[in-house]
């Protein structure tokens, strides 16, 4: 049943996207590990980590496109779920440092020793085990999204009001995690990671494996999203996006559908954050900044809302531009350039890059089909019919 659903949900663009991601997930690590450093085809380790970060951003963009592009839920606080997943993984990585920290305490992280914590807080227990941390990566963002969505959707908060309260949620978490007594490192966050599953996080092989794992997670996330949006559930989500009141009038429990897809989206964002942290090497409260969530929405708008492939492509394109332009003389003007990009796309390409391309392709197919039918009709009229 599952293979049939996945096969049915894939079109040509989706198949090409999956093949490209799978190819990069294999070729880039092999290039980094097997080719000599002086080779023109060898991908440096810092680029492997950078591309891995782009893959994590693509998963986050997919999670936003799932709720915004197909259900009409514009979340301006999805960075909160991304950061929660990152903190869950960061807590595991901090527990793996042990006595190798600056203060040599085998149980307490360095920042807790510095702040004179008498003992490890109760919510840190269990994070010395990878399976528990992996569970929290999904459970904590999913639980927050479920509670938030249950309250918001049952109250029928929609539109700009929902966007505002999602932004307020991530800002509240930003303020909470900035506090030193909250138990998450305060302003400095969690850093100085050593190992993950016994492997050095700075080693080339580990970074290559993390990149490959990020690509695999991107493929799985894409397949899940495609399976959802091409199913009967996806048709209901689109109906909610286009006419929520009419869908509710037809007897559908709109709140339940929105709550499910919102929770699923948050879990995906948490996984993206968990893969992001060991590749970047730090997680701090700045990840909760509302500006990060707004920027993620811009990725989706640039790539193409409601296309999935466009959301992932937009995340990569915008972040590559950010990397390129913030390393030169244009760095102080990056935010202005990002705003201008969003305005230009909204005015000139309202469907985004991929959405506009798909619309052009469909229009071209329709024109060719109409021309073919017209030509066939003219041929039929011009040729005499044989006598019976």
Protein backbone atom coordinates (compact mmCIF):
# COMPACT_ATOMS: atom_id res chain seq x y z
CA UNK A 1 0.00 0.00 0.00
CA UNK A 2 2.71 2.45 0.97
CA UNK A 3 4.87 1.94 -2.17
CA UNK A 4 1.74 2.44 -4.29
CA UNK A 5 0.94 5.71 -2.54
CA UNK A 6 4.51 6.99 -2.93
CA UNK A 7 4.69 5.98 -6.60
CA UNK A 8 1.34 7.59 -7.36
CA UNK A 9 2.39 10.82 -5.65
CA UNK A 10 5.50 11.38 -7.79
CA UNK A 11 5.40 13.36 -11.01
CA UNK A 12 8.29 14.21 -13.30
CA UNK A 13 9.52 17.24 -11.36
CA UNK A 14 9.32 15.36 -8.05
CA UNK A 15 11.26 12.43 -9.49
CA UNK A 16 13.96 14.72 -10.87
CA UNK A 17 14.21 16.48 -7.51
CA UNK A 18 14.64 13.20 -5.64
CA UNK A 19 17.25 11.93 -8.11
CA UNK A 20 19.25 15.16 -7.83
CA UNK A 21 19.16 15.18 -4.02
CA UNK A 22 20.11 11.49 -3.84
CA UNK A 23 22.94 12.03 -6.31
CA UNK A 24 24.33 14.96 -4.37
CA UNK A 25 23.97 13.03 -1.11
CA UNK A 26 26.26 10.34 -2.51
CA UNK A 27 28.66 12.19 -4.81
CA UNK A 28 29.59 15.12 -2.52
CA UNK A 29 30.68 12.94 0.44
CA UNK A 30 32.60 10.61 -1.90
CA UNK A 31 34.30 13.59 -3.54
CA UNK A 32 35.27 14.98 -0.15
CA UNK A 33 36.62 11.73 1.26
CA UNK A 34 38.15 9.93 -1.73
CA UNK A 35 39.66 12.65 -3.92
CA UNK A 36 42.92 14.40 -2.97
CA UNK A 37 42.65 17.92 -1.56
CA UNK A 38 44.32 19.48 -4.60
CA UNK A 39 41.88 17.96 -7.08
CA UNK A 40 39.53 20.27 -8.96
CA UNK A 41 36.63 17.87 -8.32
CA UNK A 42 37.26 17.57 -4.59
CA UNK A 43 34.60 19.27 -2.43
CA UNK A 44 36.23 20.92 0.62
CA UNK A 45 34.99 20.02 4.08
CA UNK A 46 33.68 23.51 4.77
CA UNK A 47 31.48 23.28 1.66
CA UNK A 48 30.16 19.90 2.78
CA UNK A 49 29.03 21.49 6.06
CA UNK A 50 27.58 24.47 4.17
CA UNK A 51 25.62 22.27 1.79
CA UNK A 52 24.40 20.25 4.76
CA UNK A 53 23.07 23.44 6.29
CA UNK A 54 21.24 24.22 3.04
CA UNK A 55 19.64 20.76 3.12
CA UNK A 56 18.36 21.43 6.65
CA UNK A 57 16.94 24.75 5.52
CA UNK A 58 15.22 22.96 2.63
CA UNK A 59 13.48 20.62 5.10
CA UNK A 60 12.32 23.64 7.09
CA UNK A 61 11.00 25.25 3.89
CA UNK A 62 9.09 22.05 3.05
CA UNK A 63 7.46 22.08 6.47
CA UNK A 64 6.30 25.67 5.94
CA UNK A 65 5.06 25.02 2.41
CA UNK A 66 3.03 22.06 3.65
CA UNK A 67 0.93 24.27 5.92
CA UNK A 68 1.04 27.55 4.00
CA UNK A 69 0.98 26.39 0.40
CA UNK A 70 -1.59 23.63 0.85
CA UNK A 71 -3.61 24.58 3.95
CA UNK A 72 -3.37 28.37 4.03
CA UNK A 73 -1.77 28.52 7.49
CA UNK A 74 0.86 31.27 7.41
CA UNK A 75 3.15 30.63 10.35
CA UNK A 76 5.65 33.37 11.18
CA UNK A 77 7.04 31.40 14.10
CA UNK A 78 8.14 28.11 12.57
CA UNK A 79 11.71 28.89 13.52
CA UNK A 80 10.68 28.05 17.09
CA UNK A 81 10.13 24.39 16.20
CA UNK A 82 13.39 24.35 14.25
CA UNK A 83 15.23 25.75 17.29
CA UNK A 84 13.56 23.35 19.74
CA UNK A 85 14.76 20.39 17.69
CA UNK A 86 18.21 21.96 17.59
CA UNK A 87 18.30 22.44 21.36
CA UNK A 88 17.25 18.83 21.92
CA UNK A 89 20.18 17.65 19.82
CA UNK A 90 22.47 20.23 21.42
CA UNK A 91 21.63 18.90 24.88
CA UNK A 92 22.65 15.40 23.78
CA UNK A 93 25.91 16.73 22.33
CA UNK A 94 26.66 18.65 25.53
CA UNK A 95 26.13 15.51 27.63
CA UNK A 96 28.66 13.70 25.41
CA UNK A 97 31.44 16.15 26.38
CA UNK A 98 31.69 14.75 29.90
CA UNK A 99 34.93 15.50 31.71
CA UNK A 100 36.55 16.96 28.57
CA UNK A 101 35.00 20.35 29.26
CA UNK A 102 36.89 23.37 30.53
CA UNK A 103 35.95 22.65 34.15
CA UNK A 104 36.27 18.86 33.87
CA UNK A 105 32.88 18.12 35.42
CA UNK A 106 31.71 14.71 34.13
CA UNK A 107 27.99 15.54 34.53
CA UNK A 108 27.41 19.31 34.43
CA UNK A 109 28.08 21.26 31.21
CA UNK A 110 30.60 24.09 31.54
CA UNK A 111 27.99 26.86 31.64
CA UNK A 112 26.23 25.17 34.56
CA UNK A 113 29.51 24.91 36.48
CA UNK A 114 30.20 28.58 35.77
CA UNK A 115 26.72 29.56 37.00
CA UNK A 116 27.09 27.41 40.14
CA UNK A 117 24.33 24.92 39.38
CA UNK A 118 24.21 22.46 42.32
CA UNK A 119 22.95 19.59 40.18
CA UNK A 120 21.80 18.74 36.68
CA UNK A 121 18.22 20.05 36.08
CA UNK A 122 15.59 17.34 35.82
CA UNK A 123 14.79 18.13 32.18
CA UNK A 124 18.40 17.37 31.21
CA UNK A 125 18.18 13.78 32.40
CA UNK A 126 18.03 11.19 29.65
CA UNK A 127 19.84 13.32 27.08
CA UNK A 128 22.99 11.27 27.53
CA UNK A 129 21.22 8.61 25.42
CA UNK A 130 20.86 9.22 21.69
CA UNK A 131 17.51 7.44 21.33
CA UNK A 132 15.99 9.67 24.00
CA UNK A 133 17.35 12.83 22.37
CA UNK A 134 16.07 11.68 18.96
CA UNK A 135 12.64 11.12 20.49
CA UNK A 136 12.65 14.60 22.04
CA UNK A 137 13.68 16.12 18.70
CA UNK A 138 10.28 15.09 17.33
CA UNK A 139 8.18 15.02 20.50
CA UNK A 140 8.95 18.48 21.94
CA UNK A 141 8.19 20.54 18.78
CA UNK A 142 5.24 18.29 17.98
CA UNK A 143 3.77 18.66 21.48
CA UNK A 144 4.17 22.44 21.44
CA UNK A 145 2.56 22.63 17.98
CA UNK A 146 -0.29 20.37 19.08
CA UNK A 147 -1.06 22.45 22.18
CA UNK A 148 -0.71 25.75 20.33
CA UNK A 149 -2.76 24.56 17.37
CA UNK A 150 -5.47 23.02 19.54
CA UNK A 151 -6.01 26.36 21.28
CA UNK A 152 -5.71 28.49 18.15
CA UNK A 153 -7.71 26.39 15.70
CA UNK A 154 -10.52 25.60 18.13
CA UNK A 155 -10.84 29.36 18.67
CA UNK A 156 -10.95 29.74 14.87
CA UNK A 157 -8.02 32.12 14.78
CA UNK A 158 -7.05 32.51 11.14
CA UNK A 159 -5.28 34.83 8.75
CA UNK A 160 -3.09 37.64 9.97
CA UNK A 161 -4.14 37.08 13.58
CA UNK A 162 -2.75 33.54 13.54
CA UNK A 163 0.47 34.80 11.96
CA UNK A 164 0.86 37.39 14.72
CA UNK A 165 0.38 34.93 17.57
CA UNK A 166 2.85 32.45 16.02
CA UNK A 167 5.36 35.30 15.91
CA UNK A 168 4.56 36.13 19.53
CA UNK A 169 5.15 32.49 20.46
CA UNK A 170 8.66 32.39 19.02
CA UNK A 171 9.49 35.78 20.55
CA UNK A 172 8.40 34.53 23.98
CA UNK A 173 10.69 31.53 23.59
CA UNK A 174 13.50 33.87 22.52
CA UNK A 175 13.17 35.85 25.74
CA UNK A 176 12.94 32.69 27.87
CA UNK A 177 16.03 31.04 26.39
CA UNK A 178 18.05 34.23 26.83
CA UNK A 179 17.74 33.84 30.62
CA UNK A 180 20.75 32.23 32.31
CA UNK A 181 18.55 30.58 34.92
CA UNK A 182 16.49 28.80 32.27
CA UNK A 183 19.13 26.09 32.01
CA UNK A 184 20.03 26.29 28.33
CA UNK A 185 23.19 28.39 28.31
CA UNK A 186 21.57 31.82 28.12
CA UNK A 187 22.86 34.15 25.45
CA UNK A 188 25.79 31.90 24.55
CA UNK A 189 23.63 28.84 24.03
CA UNK A 190 25.16 25.38 23.59
CA UNK A 191 28.48 24.89 21.82
CA UNK A 192 31.94 23.26 21.98
CA UNK A 193 30.55 19.90 20.88
CA UNK A 194 32.95 16.95 20.76
CA UNK A 195 31.27 13.71 19.69
CA UNK A 196 28.09 12.37 18.18
CA UNK A 197 27.49 8.64 18.58
CA UNK A 198 31.16 8.31 19.46
CA UNK A 199 32.43 10.04 16.31
CA UNK A 200 34.28 13.35 16.31
CA UNK A 201 31.92 16.02 14.98
CA UNK A 202 34.85 17.91 13.43
CA UNK A 203 36.15 14.92 11.45
CA UNK A 204 35.74 14.92 7.67
CA UNK A 205 34.00 11.55 7.72
CA UNK A 206 31.48 12.70 10.30
CA UNK A 207 30.67 15.85 8.37
CA UNK A 208 30.25 13.84 5.18
CA UNK A 209 27.95 11.39 6.97
CA UNK A 210 25.88 14.24 8.43
CA UNK A 211 25.48 15.75 4.97
CA UNK A 212 24.37 12.42 3.52
CA UNK A 213 21.95 11.98 6.42
CA UNK A 214 20.57 15.49 5.82
CA UNK A 215 19.94 14.63 2.16
CA UNK A 216 18.23 11.40 3.20
CA UNK A 217 16.04 13.32 5.67
CA UNK A 218 15.18 15.81 2.90
CA UNK A 219 14.11 12.95 0.63
CA UNK A 220 11.98 11.37 3.36
CA UNK A 221 10.40 14.73 4.24
CA UNK A 222 9.62 15.39 0.58
CA UNK A 223 8.04 11.96 0.15
CA UNK A 224 5.89 12.48 3.25
CA UNK A 225 4.72 15.86 2.00
CA UNK A 226 3.96 14.50 -1.47
CA UNK A 227 2.04 11.57 0.01
CA UNK A 228 -0.03 14.00 2.09
CA UNK A 229 -0.81 16.58 -0.58
CA UNK A 230 -1.69 14.05 -3.31
CA UNK A 231 -4.02 12.01 -1.09
CA UNK A 232 -7.64 12.64 -0.15
CA UNK A 233 -6.30 14.44 2.91
CA UNK A 234 -4.43 16.81 0.62
CA UNK A 235 -7.61 17.60 -1.32
CA UNK A 236 -9.35 18.52 1.93
CA UNK A 237 -6.39 20.71 2.93
CA UNK A 238 -6.60 22.57 -0.38
CA UNK A 239 -10.33 23.00 0.12
CA UNK A 240 -9.64 24.48 3.56
CA UNK A 241 -7.09 26.84 2.03
CA UNK A 242 -9.45 28.04 -0.70
CA UNK A 243 -12.80 28.05 1.16
CA UNK A 244 -12.58 27.17 4.83
CA UNK A 245 -16.15 28.13 5.69
CA UNK A 246 -17.59 26.10 2.82
CA UNK A 247 -15.46 23.09 3.78
CA UNK A 248 -16.73 23.30 7.36
CA UNK A 249 -20.31 23.61 6.06
CA UNK A 250 -19.85 20.36 4.11
CA UNK A 251 -19.26 18.55 7.40
CA UNK A 252 -15.45 18.34 7.62
CA UNK A 253 -13.81 18.94 10.99
CA UNK A 254 -11.53 21.68 9.73
CA UNK A 255 -9.80 22.12 13.09
CA UNK A 256 -8.69 18.48 13.17
CA UNK A 257 -7.19 18.62 9.68
CA UNK A 258 -5.34 21.85 10.44
CA UNK A 259 -4.10 20.53 13.77
CA UNK A 260 -2.74 17.35 12.17
CA UNK A 261 -0.85 19.07 9.38
CA UNK A 262 0.46 21.80 11.71
CA UNK A 263 1.82 19.19 14.15
CA UNK A 264 3.38 17.15 11.33
CA UNK A 265 5.01 20.30 9.97
CA UNK A 266 6.47 21.15 13.40
CA UNK A 267 7.95 17.66 13.75
CA UNK A 268 9.65 18.05 10.36
CA UNK A 269 11.06 21.42 11.41
CA UNK A 270 12.40 19.85 14.62
CA UNK A 271 14.25 17.17 12.64
CA UNK A 272 15.76 19.88 10.43
CA UNK A 273 17.00 21.74 13.50
CA UNK A 274 18.50 18.57 14.99
CA UNK A 275 20.52 17.91 11.82
CA UNK A 276 21.52 21.57 11.60
CA UNK A 277 23.19 21.83 15.03
CA UNK A 278 26.06 19.30 14.73
CA UNK A 279 26.97 20.68 11.31
CA UNK A 280 27.02 24.30 12.44
CA UNK A 281 28.49 23.60 15.88
CA UNK A 282 26.29 25.89 17.96
CA UNK A 283 22.70 26.59 18.95
CA UNK A 284 21.69 29.78 20.75
CA UNK A 285 18.54 31.87 21.31
CA UNK A 286 19.11 33.85 18.11
CA UNK A 287 17.53 30.91 16.25
CA UNK A 288 14.23 31.93 17.85
CA UNK A 289 14.41 35.43 16.37
CA UNK A 290 11.16 36.22 14.51
CA UNK A 291 13.24 37.47 11.60
CA UNK A 292 14.48 33.94 10.94
CA UNK A 293 10.93 32.62 10.64
CA UNK A 294 9.98 35.46 8.31
CA UNK A 295 13.04 34.76 6.19
CA UNK A 296 12.01 31.10 5.91
CA UNK A 297 8.61 32.22 4.59
CA UNK A 298 10.44 34.30 1.98
CA UNK A 299 12.30 31.16 0.83
CA UNK A 300 8.96 29.49 0.13
CA UNK A 301 7.54 32.54 -1.63
CA UNK A 302 10.62 32.90 -3.84
CA UNK A 303 10.72 29.23 -4.80
CA UNK A 304 6.99 28.82 -5.25
CA UNK A 305 4.27 28.38 -2.67
CA UNK A 306 2.32 25.15 -3.00
CA UNK A 307 4.93 23.35 -5.12
CA UNK A 308 7.19 21.64 -2.51
CA UNK A 309 10.05 21.47 -5.02
CA UNK A 310 9.99 25.25 -5.25
CA UNK A 311 10.11 25.63 -1.47
CA UNK A 312 13.26 23.52 -1.21
CA UNK A 313 14.79 25.29 -4.22
CA UNK A 314 13.98 28.70 -2.76
CA UNK A 315 15.69 27.80 0.51
CA UNK A 316 18.88 26.82 -1.31
CA UNK A 317 18.87 29.78 -3.73
CA UNK A 318 18.20 32.47 -1.12
CA UNK A 319 20.71 31.06 1.37
CA UNK A 320 23.37 30.70 -1.30
CA UNK A 321 22.77 34.34 -2.20
CA UNK A 322 23.02 35.21 1.48
CA UNK A 323 26.33 33.38 1.79
CA UNK A 324 27.67 35.05 -1.34
CA UNK A 325 26.60 38.61 -0.67
CA UNK A 326 27.27 38.72 3.08
CA UNK A 327 30.95 37.88 2.52
CA UNK A 328 31.74 40.99 0.49
CA UNK A 329 31.17 44.75 0.44
CA UNK A 330 27.41 44.25 0.08
CA UNK A 331 27.12 42.58 3.50
CA UNK A 332 25.55 45.62 5.26
CA UNK A 333 22.87 45.78 2.58
CA UNK A 334 21.83 42.11 2.57
CA UNK A 335 18.54 42.67 4.39
CA UNK A 336 17.61 45.38 1.89
CA UNK A 337 18.44 43.02 -0.95
CA UNK A 338 16.36 40.26 0.63
CA UNK A 339 13.41 42.63 1.01
CA UNK A 340 13.79 43.80 -2.58
CA UNK A 341 13.91 40.18 -3.75
CA UNK A 342 10.68 39.41 -1.93
CA UNK A 343 8.95 42.49 -3.38
CA UNK A 344 10.12 41.74 -6.92
CA UNK A 345 9.03 38.12 -6.72
CA UNK A 346 5.65 39.15 -5.31
CA UNK A 347 5.09 41.68 -8.10
CA UNK A 348 6.66 39.91 -11.08
CA UNK A 349 6.51 36.23 -10.12
CA UNK A 350 3.61 35.89 -7.66
CA UNK A 351 3.71 32.10 -8.01
CA UNK A 352 7.43 31.92 -7.34
CA UNK A 353 10.13 30.49 -9.59
CA UNK A 354 8.81 26.95 -9.88
CA UNK A 355 5.15 27.99 -9.77
CA UNK A 356 5.65 30.41 -12.66
CA UNK A 357 7.54 27.79 -14.65
CA UNK A 358 4.79 25.23 -14.08
CA UNK A 359 2.12 27.72 -15.14
CA UNK A 360 4.08 28.55 -18.30
CA UNK A 361 4.53 24.86 -19.09
CA UNK A 362 0.83 24.12 -18.61
CA UNK A 363 -0.10 27.09 -20.79
CA UNK A 364 2.28 25.90 -23.49
CA UNK A 365 0.85 22.37 -23.37
CA UNK A 366 -2.68 23.73 -23.62
CA UNK A 367 -1.72 25.88 -26.61
CA UNK A 368 -0.02 22.98 -28.38
CA UNK A 369 -3.01 20.75 -27.73
CA UNK A 370 -5.40 23.38 -29.07
CA UNK A 371 -3.24 23.87 -32.18
CA UNK A 372 -3.09 20.12 -32.75
CA UNK A 373 -6.87 19.78 -32.44
CA UNK A 374 -7.37 22.72 -34.78
CA UNK A 375 -4.99 21.23 -37.33
CA UNK A 376 -6.69 17.84 -37.09
CA UNK A 377 -10.09 19.46 -37.57
CA UNK A 378 -8.91 21.36 -40.63
CA UNK A 379 -7.43 18.18 -42.10
CA UNK A 380 -10.71 16.39 -41.51
CA UNK A 381 -12.70 19.12 -43.27
CA UNK A 382 -10.31 19.49 -46.17
CA UNK A 383 -10.10 15.81 -47.06
CA UNK A 384 -13.06 14.29 -48.89
CA UNK A 385 -14.74 11.36 -47.20
CA UNK A 386 -14.65 8.06 -49.10
CA UNK A 387 -17.91 6.93 -50.67
CA UNK A 388 -19.76 4.24 -48.78
